[in-house]
Amino acid sequence: MAFDSMRLLAVISVALCLIPAGAHFFELANKMSLSTAEYMTTQKIYAGWSFFGVVIIAAIVFTLMHTLMVRAERTAFLLSLTALLCLGAMQVIFWTFTYPMNVATIGQHSARLRRGAATMGVFARDQRGAQLCGIGGYHLLYAHL
C-alpha cells in the first residue's frame, strides 16, 4: 500500500512538474520569432510561476523516495534513478539558463540586463534551456510509469 501511494505521488508530482516545462517547450517556435520588445513583454506572463517550486521539490522528494523503495529491483531502480537524475538536470538547466533571463525580464537589474541579453543572444539560450527541460520532463513521466 505504501509503495503504491509513493508511486502515485511520484507520478502526479512529476506530471504537475511538467506543466511549466511543457509550456516553454510548446511556445518556443512562437517566442523565437518575437522582436526584443515583444519578447520582454511576453516574459512578464510568468510572474507567479515560482509557486511551481513547491511541486518541483515534491517531485524530487517523491522520486527519491520511490528510487529508494525500489532499489532491490534493478530495472525499476534504474528507471527511477534516471527520473531523479533528469529532475536534477532540469534544475541545473533552469538555474543556469532560464532563471537569469527571468530575473532580467521581471525587472531586477532590468535596463542593463536587457541590453546585454539583446546583444548576447540570451533569449535563444533561455528558450533552448526551457526546451531541454520540457524534453527531459517527458522522459521523467515515462520512467515512473
Protein backbone atom coordinates (compact mmCIF):
# COMPACT_ATOMS: atom_id res chain seq x y z
CA MET A 1 0.00 0.00 0.00
CA ALA A 2 2.76 2.46 0.92
CA PHE A 3 4.64 1.61 -2.25
CA ASP A 4 1.58 2.20 -4.45
CA SER A 5 0.91 5.52 -2.70
CA MET A 6 4.51 6.63 -3.15
CA ARG A 7 4.47 5.65 -6.81
CA LEU A 8 1.21 7.54 -7.34
CA LEU A 9 2.55 10.65 -5.58
CA ALA A 10 5.74 10.49 -7.63
CA VAL A 11 3.82 10.22 -10.91
CA ILE A 12 1.39 13.03 -10.01
CA SER A 13 4.12 15.37 -8.79
CA VAL A 14 6.26 14.74 -11.89
CA ALA A 15 3.21 15.27 -14.14
CA LEU A 16 2.50 18.61 -12.40
CA CYS A 17 6.18 19.48 -12.70
CA LEU A 18 5.85 19.16 -16.47
CA ILE A 19 3.30 21.96 -16.76
CA PRO A 20 5.80 24.85 -16.86
CA ALA A 21 8.36 22.82 -18.84
CA GLY A 22 5.71 21.83 -21.37
CA ALA A 23 4.51 25.41 -21.70
CA HIS A 24 8.03 26.56 -22.54
CA PHE A 25 8.56 23.69 -24.95
CA PHE A 26 5.38 24.24 -26.96
CA GLU A 27 5.69 28.03 -27.16
CA LEU A 28 9.31 28.01 -28.29
CA ALA A 29 8.74 28.48 -32.02
CA ASN A 30 6.39 31.41 -31.50
CA LYS A 31 8.56 33.18 -28.92
CA MET A 32 11.72 32.95 -31.02
CA SER A 33 10.06 34.94 -33.80
CA LEU A 34 9.25 37.88 -31.50
CA SER A 35 11.16 41.14 -31.51
CA THR A 36 13.20 42.02 -28.41
CA ALA A 37 10.48 44.35 -27.09
CA GLU A 38 7.72 41.81 -27.69
CA TYR A 39 9.78 39.07 -26.07
CA MET A 40 10.39 41.17 -22.96
CA THR A 41 6.70 41.97 -22.71
CA THR A 42 5.74 38.33 -23.11
CA GLN A 43 8.12 37.21 -20.36
CA LYS A 44 6.03 39.11 -17.79
CA ILE A 45 3.30 36.46 -18.02
CA TYR A 46 5.49 34.16 -15.92
CA ALA A 47 5.16 36.27 -12.78
CA GLY A 48 3.93 33.97 -10.03
CA TRP A 49 5.20 30.78 -11.63
CA SER A 50 7.65 30.45 -8.75
CA PHE A 51 4.88 28.60 -6.90
CA PHE A 52 5.69 25.63 -9.13
CA GLY A 53 8.82 25.33 -7.00
CA VAL A 54 6.73 23.53 -4.39
CA VAL A 55 5.67 20.96 -6.99
CA ILE A 56 9.23 20.54 -8.23
CA ILE A 57 10.54 19.95 -4.71
CA ALA A 58 7.74 17.44 -4.13
CA ALA A 59 8.63 15.66 -7.39
CA ILE A 60 12.27 15.41 -6.34
CA VAL A 61 11.42 14.15 -2.84
CA PHE A 62 8.81 11.62 -4.01
CA THR A 63 11.02 10.38 -6.83
CA LEU A 64 13.94 9.99 -4.41
CA MET A 65 11.73 8.06 -2.00
CA HIS A 66 10.44 5.90 -4.85
CA THR A 67 14.01 5.24 -6.01
CA LEU A 68 14.99 4.10 -2.52
CA MET A 69 11.91 1.89 -2.23
CA VAL A 70 12.62 0.02 -5.49
CA ARG A 71 16.39 -0.32 -5.10
CA ALA A 72 16.11 -4.12 -4.86
CA GLU A 73 14.51 -4.33 -8.33
CA ARG A 74 17.23 -3.43 -10.82
CA THR A 75 15.09 -2.26 -13.75
CA ALA A 76 12.69 -0.24 -11.60
CA PHE A 77 15.62 1.25 -9.68
CA LEU A 78 17.46 2.31 -12.83
CA LEU A 79 14.33 3.89 -14.32
CA SER A 80 13.50 5.72 -11.11
CA LEU A 81 17.11 6.83 -10.68
CA THR A 82 17.08 8.11 -14.26
CA ALA A 83 13.95 10.08 -13.48
CA LEU A 84 15.61 11.55 -10.40
CA LEU A 85 18.72 12.49 -12.39
CA CYS A 86 16.53 14.11 -15.06
CA LEU A 87 14.80 16.17 -12.38
CA GLY A 88 18.22 17.29 -11.18
CA ALA A 89 19.33 18.08 -14.73
CA MET A 90 16.18 20.12 -15.28
CA GLN A 91 17.08 22.19 -12.22
CA VAL A 92 20.64 22.74 -13.43
CA ILE A 93 19.31 23.87 -16.82
CA PHE A 94 16.70 26.12 -15.22
CA TRP A 95 19.09 27.84 -12.81
CA THR A 96 21.83 28.18 -15.45
CA PHE A 97 19.81 29.41 -18.44
CA THR A 98 16.21 30.25 -17.64
CA TYR A 99 16.35 31.91 -14.23
CA PRO A 100 18.89 34.61 -15.20
CA MET A 101 16.62 35.60 -18.08
CA ASN A 102 13.58 35.63 -15.81
CA VAL A 103 15.40 37.97 -13.44
CA ALA A 104 16.22 40.27 -16.35
CA THR A 105 12.64 40.44 -17.58
CA ILE A 106 10.90 40.79 -14.23
CA GLY A 107 12.77 43.99 -13.54
CA GLN A 108 15.71 43.29 -11.25
CA HIS A 109 18.74 44.86 -12.94
CA SER A 110 16.38 45.34 -15.89
CA ALA A 111 17.93 48.05 -18.04
CA ARG A 112 21.50 46.71 -18.02
CA LEU A 113 20.49 43.06 -18.36
CA ARG A 114 18.01 43.75 -21.16
CA ARG A 115 20.68 45.47 -23.22
CA GLY A 116 23.14 42.65 -22.53
CA ALA A 117 20.54 39.96 -23.23
CA ALA A 118 19.61 41.50 -26.54
CA THR A 119 23.21 41.69 -27.71
CA MET A 120 24.41 38.31 -26.41
CA GLY A 121 21.57 36.14 -27.64
CA VAL A 122 20.41 35.20 -24.16
CA PHE A 123 16.84 34.90 -25.43
CA ALA A 124 17.75 31.94 -27.60
CA ARG A 125 19.80 30.38 -24.81
CA ASP A 126 16.91 30.81 -22.36
CA GLN A 127 14.49 29.15 -24.73
CA ARG A 128 16.85 26.28 -25.51
CA GLY A 129 17.17 25.66 -21.79
CA ALA A 130 13.40 25.65 -21.39
CA GLN A 131 13.07 23.29 -24.35
CA LEU A 132 15.58 20.87 -22.80
CA CYS A 133 13.61 20.97 -19.55
CA GLY A 134 10.45 20.09 -21.47
CA ILE A 135 12.04 17.18 -23.30
CA GLY A 136 13.68 15.81 -20.17
CA GLY A 137 10.45 16.13 -18.24
CA TYR A 138 8.50 13.83 -20.50
CA HIS A 139 11.16 11.17 -20.02
CA LEU A 140 10.60 11.52 -16.27
CA LEU A 141 6.94 10.65 -16.52
CA TYR A 142 7.70 7.64 -18.71
CA ALA A 143 10.28 6.36 -16.23
CA HIS A 144 7.67 6.36 -13.44
CA LEU A 145 5.07 4.55 -15.48
